[in-house]
């Protein structure tokens, strides 16, 4: 299948998952690790079969982090296909982002970014800024991190 043939969110999510060489269960576990949600294999199947119409921004960013496919492309089929993020490493069932940033730090960054921005691209860019700030200075307050998220500029 060519990229242009992916006309639905479900088709794009399945393509991203398969490109990441993950089973539905592995994919669900990776997304759950990043969001702290109870994402199950059945929910992944529902996404892939277009049975879920509204996916939360934090979940989209987790899918982006796990697969490397941009949240904007996953949702709309437009924009950049791939994003440049450090690879997600999964070891001992614990997700680690980039150079040792924990799941908790990643989750905190995504949640703060999602509350301060509206579009998937803006949320992704804000999350990167917040997470990088937390990697450099883990003790930053939520107030400072919200300001960082609000000031983040989209690269698109």
C-alpha atoms as a PDB file:
ATOM      1  CA  UNK A   1       0.000   0.000   0.000  1.00  0.00           C
ATOM      2  CA  UNK A   2       1.212   3.490  -0.790  1.00  0.00           C
ATOM      3  CA  UNK A   3       0.907   6.190   1.866  1.00  0.00           C
ATOM      4  CA  UNK A   4      -1.794   7.980  -0.148  1.00  0.00           C
ATOM      5  CA  UNK A   5      -4.021   4.914   0.080  1.00  0.00           C
ATOM      6  CA  UNK A   6      -4.419   5.280   3.848  1.00  0.00           C
ATOM      7  CA  UNK A   7      -7.729   7.107   3.929  1.00  0.00           C
ATOM      8  CA  UNK A   8      -8.781   6.427   7.530  1.00  0.00           C
ATOM      9  CA  UNK A   9      -7.291   6.907  10.962  1.00  0.00           C
ATOM     10  CA  UNK A  10      -7.510   3.142  11.487  1.00  0.00           C
ATOM     11  CA  UNK A  11      -5.528   2.363   8.360  1.00  0.00           C
ATOM     12  CA  UNK A  12      -2.850   4.878   9.323  1.00  0.00           C
ATOM     13  CA  UNK A  13      -2.571   3.556  12.898  1.00  0.00           C
ATOM     14  CA  UNK A  14      -2.271  -0.016  11.640  1.00  0.00           C
ATOM     15  CA  UNK A  15       0.378   1.029   9.124  1.00  0.00           C
ATOM     16  CA  UNK A  16       2.320   2.845  11.859  1.00  0.00           C
ATOM     17  CA  UNK A  17       2.079  -0.130  14.224  1.00  0.00           C
ATOM     18  CA  UNK A  18       3.202  -2.608  11.574  1.00  0.00           C
ATOM     19  CA  UNK A  19       6.043  -0.314  10.494  1.00  0.00           C
ATOM     20  CA  UNK A  20       7.174  -0.276  14.133  1.00  0.00           C
ATOM     21  CA  UNK A  21       7.054  -4.098  14.015  1.00  0.00           C
ATOM     22  CA  UNK A  22       4.734  -4.344  17.005  1.00  0.00           C
ATOM     23  CA  UNK A  23       1.883  -6.736  17.667  1.00  0.00           C
ATOM     24  CA  UNK A  24      -1.371  -5.196  18.827  1.00  0.00           C
ATOM     25  CA  UNK A  25      -0.552  -6.305  22.385  1.00  0.00           C
ATOM     26  CA  UNK A  26       2.979  -4.837  22.315  1.00  0.00           C
ATOM     27  CA  UNK A  27       1.606  -1.622  20.841  1.00  0.00           C
ATOM     28  CA  UNK A  28      -1.140  -1.394  23.475  1.00  0.00           C
ATOM     29  CA  UNK A  29       1.401  -1.945  26.256  1.00  0.00           C
ATOM     30  CA  UNK A  30       3.759   0.719  24.883  1.00  0.00           C
ATOM     31  CA  UNK A  31       0.932   3.280  24.601  1.00  0.00           C
ATOM     32  CA  UNK A  32      -0.321   2.344  28.078  1.00  0.00           C
ATOM     33  CA  UNK A  33       3.185   2.794  29.518  1.00  0.00           C
ATOM     34  CA  UNK A  34       3.392   6.310  28.107  1.00  0.00           C
ATOM     35  CA  UNK A  35      -0.092   7.498  28.965  1.00  0.00           C
ATOM     36  CA  UNK A  36      -0.665   5.636  32.196  1.00  0.00           C
ATOM     37  CA  UNK A  37      -3.965   4.452  30.724  1.00  0.00           C
ATOM     38  CA  UNK A  38      -5.328   0.932  30.527  1.00  0.00           C
ATOM     39  CA  UNK A  39      -4.844   0.608  26.780  1.00  0.00           C
ATOM     40  CA  UNK A  40      -5.601  -2.984  25.768  1.00  0.00           C
ATOM     41  CA  UNK A  41      -5.185  -5.000  22.581  1.00  0.00           C
ATOM     42  CA  UNK A  42      -8.950  -4.722  21.970  1.00  0.00           C
ATOM     43  CA  UNK A  43      -8.748  -0.924  21.916  1.00  0.00           C
ATOM     44  CA  UNK A  44      -5.946  -1.075  19.345  1.00  0.00           C
ATOM     45  CA  UNK A  45      -8.198  -3.303  17.234  1.00  0.00           C
ATOM     46  CA  UNK A  46     -11.011  -0.758  17.601  1.00  0.00           C
ATOM     47  CA  UNK A  47      -8.684   2.052  16.455  1.00  0.00           C
ATOM     48  CA  UNK A  48      -7.536   0.006  13.470  1.00  0.00           C
ATOM     49  CA  UNK A  49     -11.118  -0.839  12.504  1.00  0.00           C
ATOM     50  CA  UNK A  50     -12.347   2.758  12.897  1.00  0.00           C
ATOM     51  CA  UNK A  51     -14.619   1.884  15.822  1.00  0.00           C
ATOM     52  CA  UNK A  52     -13.309   4.810  17.933  1.00  0.00           C
ATOM     53  CA  UNK A  53     -13.933   8.290  16.587  1.00  0.00           C
ATOM     54  CA  UNK A  54     -12.218  10.450  19.212  1.00  0.00           C
ATOM     55  CA  UNK A  55      -8.717   9.618  20.448  1.00  0.00           C
ATOM     56  CA  UNK A  56      -7.274  11.797  23.222  1.00  0.00           C
ATOM     57  CA  UNK A  57      -4.330  14.064  22.401  1.00  0.00           C
ATOM     58  CA  UNK A  58      -2.112  12.370  24.992  1.00  0.00           C
ATOM     59  CA  UNK A  59      -2.823   9.018  23.327  1.00  0.00           C
ATOM     60  CA  UNK A  60      -2.014  10.421  19.882  1.00  0.00           C
ATOM     61  CA  UNK A  61       1.293  11.721  21.205  1.00  0.00           C
ATOM     62  CA  UNK A  62       2.038   8.349  22.749  1.00  0.00           C
ATOM     63  CA  UNK A  63       1.310   6.644  19.417  1.00  0.00           C
ATOM     64  CA  UNK A  64       3.601   9.190  17.769  1.00  0.00           C
ATOM     65  CA  UNK A  65       6.363   8.464  20.309  1.00  0.00           C
ATOM     66  CA  UNK A  66       6.002   4.696  19.903  1.00  0.00           C
ATOM     67  CA  UNK A  67       5.860   4.615  16.093  1.00  0.00           C
ATOM     68  CA  UNK A  68       7.600   7.789  14.918  1.00  0.00           C
ATOM     69  CA  UNK A  69       4.593   8.674  12.740  1.00  0.00           C
ATOM     70  CA  UNK A  70       3.324  12.212  13.304  1.00  0.00           C
ATOM     71  CA  UNK A  71       0.117  12.720  15.263  1.00  0.00           C
ATOM     72  CA  UNK A  72      -1.109  15.108  12.566  1.00  0.00           C
ATOM     73  CA  UNK A  73      -0.656  12.489   9.840  1.00  0.00           C
ATOM     74  CA  UNK A  74      -2.297   9.798  11.964  1.00  0.00           C
ATOM     75  CA  UNK A  75      -5.368  11.974  12.559  1.00  0.00           C
ATOM     76  CA  UNK A  76      -5.753  13.654   9.172  1.00  0.00           C
ATOM     77  CA  UNK A  77      -3.508  11.943   6.636  1.00  0.00           C
ATOM     78  CA  UNK A  78      -1.889  15.350   6.027  1.00  0.00           C
ATOM     79  CA  UNK A  79       1.353  16.901   7.133  1.00  0.00           C
ATOM     80  CA  UNK A  80       4.672  15.227   7.747  1.00  0.00           C
ATOM     81  CA  UNK A  81       4.517  11.448   7.766  1.00  0.00           C
ATOM     82  CA  UNK A  82       7.330  10.973  10.295  1.00  0.00           C
ATOM     83  CA  UNK A  83       8.611  13.036  13.186  1.00  0.00           C
ATOM     84  CA  UNK A  84      12.129  13.326  14.494  1.00  0.00           C
ATOM     85  CA  UNK A  85      11.958  12.156  18.089  1.00  0.00           C
ATOM     86  CA  UNK A  86      14.398  10.080  20.066  1.00  0.00           C
ATOM     87  CA  UNK A  87      13.466   6.427  19.759  1.00  0.00           C
ATOM     88  CA  UNK A  88      11.362   4.873  22.437  1.00  0.00           C
ATOM     89  CA  UNK A  89      13.200   2.097  24.184  1.00  0.00           C
ATOM     90  CA  UNK A  90      11.247  -0.561  25.982  1.00  0.00           C
ATOM     91  CA  UNK A  91      13.217  -2.621  28.464  1.00  0.00           C
ATOM     92  CA  UNK A  92      11.827  -4.749  31.261  1.00  0.00           C
ATOM     93  CA  UNK A  93       8.331  -3.473  30.395  1.00  0.00           C
ATOM     94  CA  UNK A  94       9.337   0.048  31.403  1.00  0.00           C
ATOM     95  CA  UNK A  95       9.338   2.751  28.751  1.00  0.00           C
ATOM     96  CA  UNK A  96      12.310   5.090  28.570  1.00  0.00           C
ATOM     97  CA  UNK A  97      12.389   8.107  26.262  1.00  0.00           C
ATOM     98  CA  UNK A  98      15.613   9.267  24.687  1.00  0.00           C
ATOM     99  CA  UNK A  99      18.529   9.308  27.080  1.00  0.00           C
ATOM    100  CA  UNK A 100      17.021   7.920  30.242  1.00  0.00           C
ATOM    101  CA  UNK A 101      13.957  10.130  30.733  1.00  0.00           C
ATOM    102  CA  UNK A 102      11.453   8.031  32.624  1.00  0.00           C
ATOM    103  CA  UNK A 103       7.877   7.221  31.724  1.00  0.00           C
ATOM    104  CA  UNK A 104       6.720   9.514  34.526  1.00  0.00           C
ATOM    105  CA  UNK A 105       8.644  12.467  33.066  1.00  0.00           C
ATOM    106  CA  UNK A 106       7.344  11.736  29.580  1.00  0.00           C
ATOM    107  CA  UNK A 107       3.772  11.409  30.875  1.00  0.00           C
ATOM    108  CA  UNK A 108       4.029  14.663  32.846  1.00  0.00           C
ATOM    109  CA  UNK A 109       5.379  16.461  29.773  1.00  0.00           C
ATOM    110  CA  UNK A 110       2.620  15.172  27.497  1.00  0.00           C
ATOM    111  CA  UNK A 111      -0.137  16.045  29.970  1.00  0.00           C
ATOM    112  CA  UNK A 112       1.166  19.584  30.484  1.00  0.00           C
ATOM    113  CA  UNK A 113       1.606  20.116  26.737  1.00  0.00           C
ATOM    114  CA  UNK A 114      -1.893  18.770  26.009  1.00  0.00           C
ATOM    115  CA  UNK A 115      -3.445  21.205  28.495  1.00  0.00           C
ATOM    116  CA  UNK A 116      -1.624  24.223  27.047  1.00  0.00           C
ATOM    117  CA  UNK A 117      -1.929  23.636  23.289  1.00  0.00           C
ATOM    118  CA  UNK A 118      -4.780  22.663  20.962  1.00  0.00           C
ATOM    119  CA  UNK A 119      -3.521  21.093  17.701  1.00  0.00           C
ATOM    120  CA  UNK A 120      -1.597  17.808  17.493  1.00  0.00           C
ATOM    121  CA  UNK A 121       1.474  19.555  16.028  1.00  0.00           C
ATOM    122  CA  UNK A 122       1.468  22.255  18.709  1.00  0.00           C
ATOM    123  CA  UNK A 123       1.009  19.633  21.426  1.00  0.00           C
ATOM    124  CA  UNK A 124       3.851  17.529  20.034  1.00  0.00           C
ATOM    125  CA  UNK A 125       6.225  20.500  19.862  1.00  0.00           C
ATOM    126  CA  UNK A 126       5.212  21.663  23.336  1.00  0.00           C
ATOM    127  CA  UNK A 127       5.696  18.138  24.717  1.00  0.00           C
ATOM    128  CA  UNK A 128       9.195  17.982  23.240  1.00  0.00           C
ATOM    129  CA  UNK A 129      10.090  21.339  24.811  1.00  0.00           C
ATOM    130  CA  UNK A 130       8.658  20.360  28.199  1.00  0.00           C
ATOM    131  CA  UNK A 131      10.286  16.914  28.205  1.00  0.00           C
ATOM    132  CA  UNK A 132      13.665  18.319  27.163  1.00  0.00           C
ATOM    133  CA  UNK A 133      13.361  20.922  29.927  1.00  0.00           C
ATOM    134  CA  UNK A 134      12.542  18.192  32.451  1.00  0.00           C
ATOM    135  CA  UNK A 135      15.485  16.102  31.251  1.00  0.00           C
ATOM    136  CA  UNK A 136      17.801  19.064  31.886  1.00  0.00           C
ATOM    137  CA  UNK A 137      16.140  20.191  35.137  1.00  0.00           C
ATOM    138  CA  UNK A 138      13.884  17.524  36.721  1.00  0.00           C
ATOM    139  CA  UNK A 139      12.732  19.794  39.555  1.00  0.00           C
ATOM    140  CA  UNK A 140      10.958  22.397  37.409  1.00  0.00           C
ATOM    141  CA  UNK A 141       7.525  23.368  38.697  1.00  0.00           C
ATOM    142  CA  UNK A 142       4.347  22.739  36.723  1.00  0.00           C
ATOM    143  CA  UNK A 143       3.889  26.530  36.440  1.00  0.00           C
ATOM    144  CA  UNK A 144       7.237  26.930  34.660  1.00  0.00           C
ATOM    145  CA  UNK A 145       6.546  23.896  32.465  1.00  0.00           C
ATOM    146  CA  UNK A 146       3.129  25.293  31.467  1.00  0.00           C
ATOM    147  CA  UNK A 147       4.815  28.528  30.401  1.00  0.00           C
ATOM    148  CA  UNK A 148       7.338  26.542  28.366  1.00  0.00           C
ATOM    149  CA  UNK A 149       4.462  24.610  26.732  1.00  0.00           C
ATOM    150  CA  UNK A 150       2.545  27.813  25.930  1.00  0.00           C
ATOM    151  CA  UNK A 151       5.606  29.433  24.368  1.00  0.00           C
ATOM    152  CA  UNK A 152       6.612  26.394  22.289  1.00  0.00           C
ATOM    153  CA  UNK A 153       6.633  27.156  18.602  1.00  0.00           C
ATOM    154  CA  UNK A 154       5.492  24.556  16.101  1.00  0.00           C
ATOM    155  CA  UNK A 155       8.106  23.474  13.595  1.00  0.00           C
ATOM    156  CA  UNK A 156       5.518  22.758  10.896  1.00  0.00           C
END
